[in-house]
C-alpha atoms as a PDB file:
ATOM      1  CA  UNK A   1      -6.117  -6.730   9.290  1.00  0.00           C
ATOM      2  CA  UNK A   2      -3.179  -4.811  10.686  1.00  0.00           C
ATOM      3  CA  UNK A   3      -1.218  -4.882   7.418  1.00  0.00           C
ATOM      4  CA  UNK A   4      -4.010  -3.039   5.619  1.00  0.00           C
ATOM      5  CA  UNK A   5      -4.291  -0.478   8.427  1.00  0.00           C
ATOM      6  CA  UNK A   6      -0.545   0.229   8.282  1.00  0.00           C
ATOM      7  CA  UNK A   7      -0.629   0.579   4.508  1.00  0.00           C
ATOM      8  CA  UNK A   8      -3.591   2.978   4.733  1.00  0.00           C
ATOM      9  CA  UNK A   9      -1.849   5.061   7.414  1.00  0.00           C
ATOM     10  CA  UNK A  10       1.418   5.339   5.476  1.00  0.00           C
ATOM     11  CA  UNK A  11      -0.265   6.291   2.208  1.00  0.00           C
ATOM     12  CA  UNK A  12      -2.596   8.832   3.846  1.00  0.00           C
ATOM     13  CA  UNK A  13       0.375  10.563   5.462  1.00  0.00           C
ATOM     14  CA  UNK A  14       1.975  11.051   2.044  1.00  0.00           C
ATOM     15  CA  UNK A  15      -0.948  12.357  -0.033  1.00  0.00           C
ATOM     16  CA  UNK A  16      -2.822  15.658  -0.188  1.00  0.00           C
ATOM     17  CA  UNK A  17      -6.251  14.145  -0.927  1.00  0.00           C
ATOM     18  CA  UNK A  18      -6.634  11.793   2.027  1.00  0.00           C
ATOM     19  CA  UNK A  19     -10.315  11.119   1.264  1.00  0.00           C
ATOM     20  CA  UNK A  20      -9.459   9.548  -2.098  1.00  0.00           C
ATOM     21  CA  UNK A  21      -7.212   6.811  -0.667  1.00  0.00           C
ATOM     22  CA  UNK A  22      -8.805   3.401  -1.078  1.00  0.00           C
ATOM     23  CA  UNK A  23      -7.390  -0.054  -0.517  1.00  0.00           C
ATOM     24  CA  UNK A  24      -8.986  -3.132  -2.030  1.00  0.00           C
ATOM     25  CA  UNK A  25      -7.865  -6.431  -0.517  1.00  0.00           C
ATOM     26  CA  UNK A  26      -7.830  -9.520  -2.707  1.00  0.00           C
ATOM     27  CA  UNK A  27      -6.981 -12.814  -1.037  1.00  0.00           C
ATOM     28  CA  UNK A  28      -5.508 -15.340  -3.423  1.00  0.00           C
ATOM     29  CA  UNK A  29      -4.440 -18.913  -2.825  1.00  0.00           C
ATOM     30  CA  UNK A  30      -0.940 -18.093  -1.605  1.00  0.00           C
ATOM     31  CA  UNK A  31      -0.900 -14.276  -1.494  1.00  0.00           C
ATOM     32  CA  UNK A  32      -2.771 -11.284  -0.163  1.00  0.00           C
ATOM     33  CA  UNK A  33      -2.879  -8.369  -2.617  1.00  0.00           C
ATOM     34  CA  UNK A  34      -3.522  -4.789  -1.508  1.00  0.00           C
ATOM     35  CA  UNK A  35      -4.595  -2.623  -4.456  1.00  0.00           C
ATOM     36  CA  UNK A  36      -4.026   0.979  -3.375  1.00  0.00           C
ATOM     37  CA  UNK A  37      -5.810   3.770  -5.249  1.00  0.00           C
ATOM     38  CA  UNK A  38      -4.992   7.452  -4.766  1.00  0.00           C
ATOM     39  CA  UNK A  39      -5.857  10.673  -6.591  1.00  0.00           C
ATOM     40  CA  UNK A  40      -4.018  11.099  -9.870  1.00  0.00           C
ATOM     41  CA  UNK A  41      -2.237  14.178  -8.514  1.00  0.00           C
ATOM     42  CA  UNK A  42      -0.829  12.146  -5.595  1.00  0.00           C
ATOM     43  CA  UNK A  43       0.462   9.060  -7.399  1.00  0.00           C
ATOM     44  CA  UNK A  44       3.946  10.552  -7.762  1.00  0.00           C
ATOM     45  CA  UNK A  45       4.193  11.144  -4.026  1.00  0.00           C
ATOM     46  CA  UNK A  46       3.262   7.560  -3.243  1.00  0.00           C
ATOM     47  CA  UNK A  47       5.603   5.997  -5.791  1.00  0.00           C
ATOM     48  CA  UNK A  48       8.513   8.367  -5.147  1.00  0.00           C
ATOM     49  CA  UNK A  49      11.717   8.823  -7.073  1.00  0.00           C
ATOM     50  CA  UNK A  50      12.628   5.565  -8.829  1.00  0.00           C
ATOM     51  CA  UNK A  51       9.927   3.793  -6.781  1.00  0.00           C
ATOM     52  CA  UNK A  52      11.759   4.180  -3.486  1.00  0.00           C
ATOM     53  CA  UNK A  53       8.734   5.306  -1.477  1.00  0.00           C
ATOM     54  CA  UNK A  54       6.540   2.516  -2.872  1.00  0.00           C
ATOM     55  CA  UNK A  55       9.230  -0.049  -2.086  1.00  0.00           C
ATOM     56  CA  UNK A  56       9.576   1.299   1.461  1.00  0.00           C
ATOM     57  CA  UNK A  57       5.815   0.956   2.002  1.00  0.00           C
ATOM     58  CA  UNK A  58       5.922  -2.616   0.670  1.00  0.00           C
ATOM     59  CA  UNK A  59       8.844  -3.475   2.959  1.00  0.00           C
ATOM     60  CA  UNK A  60       7.142  -2.102   6.079  1.00  0.00           C
ATOM     61  CA  UNK A  61       3.853  -3.877   5.360  1.00  0.00           C
ATOM     62  CA  UNK A  62       5.636  -7.188   4.736  1.00  0.00           C
ATOM     63  CA  UNK A  63       7.722  -6.794   7.892  1.00  0.00           C
ATOM     64  CA  UNK A  64       4.598  -6.366  10.011  1.00  0.00           C
ATOM     65  CA  UNK A  65       2.854  -9.358   8.494  1.00  0.00           C
ATOM     66  CA  UNK A  66       2.572 -12.545  10.477  1.00  0.00           C
ATOM     67  CA  UNK A  67       0.668 -14.265   7.693  1.00  0.00           C
ATOM     68  CA  UNK A  68       2.150 -17.274   5.945  1.00  0.00           C
ATOM     69  CA  UNK A  69       0.917 -15.791   2.677  1.00  0.00           C
ATOM     70  CA  UNK A  70       2.966 -13.414   0.578  1.00  0.00           C
ATOM     71  CA  UNK A  71       1.922  -9.752   0.850  1.00  0.00           C
ATOM     72  CA  UNK A  72       1.778  -7.789  -2.412  1.00  0.00           C
ATOM     73  CA  UNK A  73       1.089  -4.043  -2.558  1.00  0.00           C
ATOM     74  CA  UNK A  74       0.091  -2.570  -5.928  1.00  0.00           C
ATOM     75  CA  UNK A  75      -0.455   1.123  -6.621  1.00  0.00           C
ATOM     76  CA  UNK A  76      -2.829   2.553  -9.249  1.00  0.00           C
END
């Protein structure tokens, strides 16, 4: 799934602990949810000031999607 690969690439480029980046994909009836987990020390880098970085990641992943389902990216 190219959306998941893009999300993984973007997040790994932002964090210090690249080995701790994990993405769980949950396919729901009308949405695909990517649950992104990073090291606790890196969560601020991924979310960014006022959530700008997280929103940029979400926008890029949605723009790449050719799925008819809604793409949701959650960070924990």
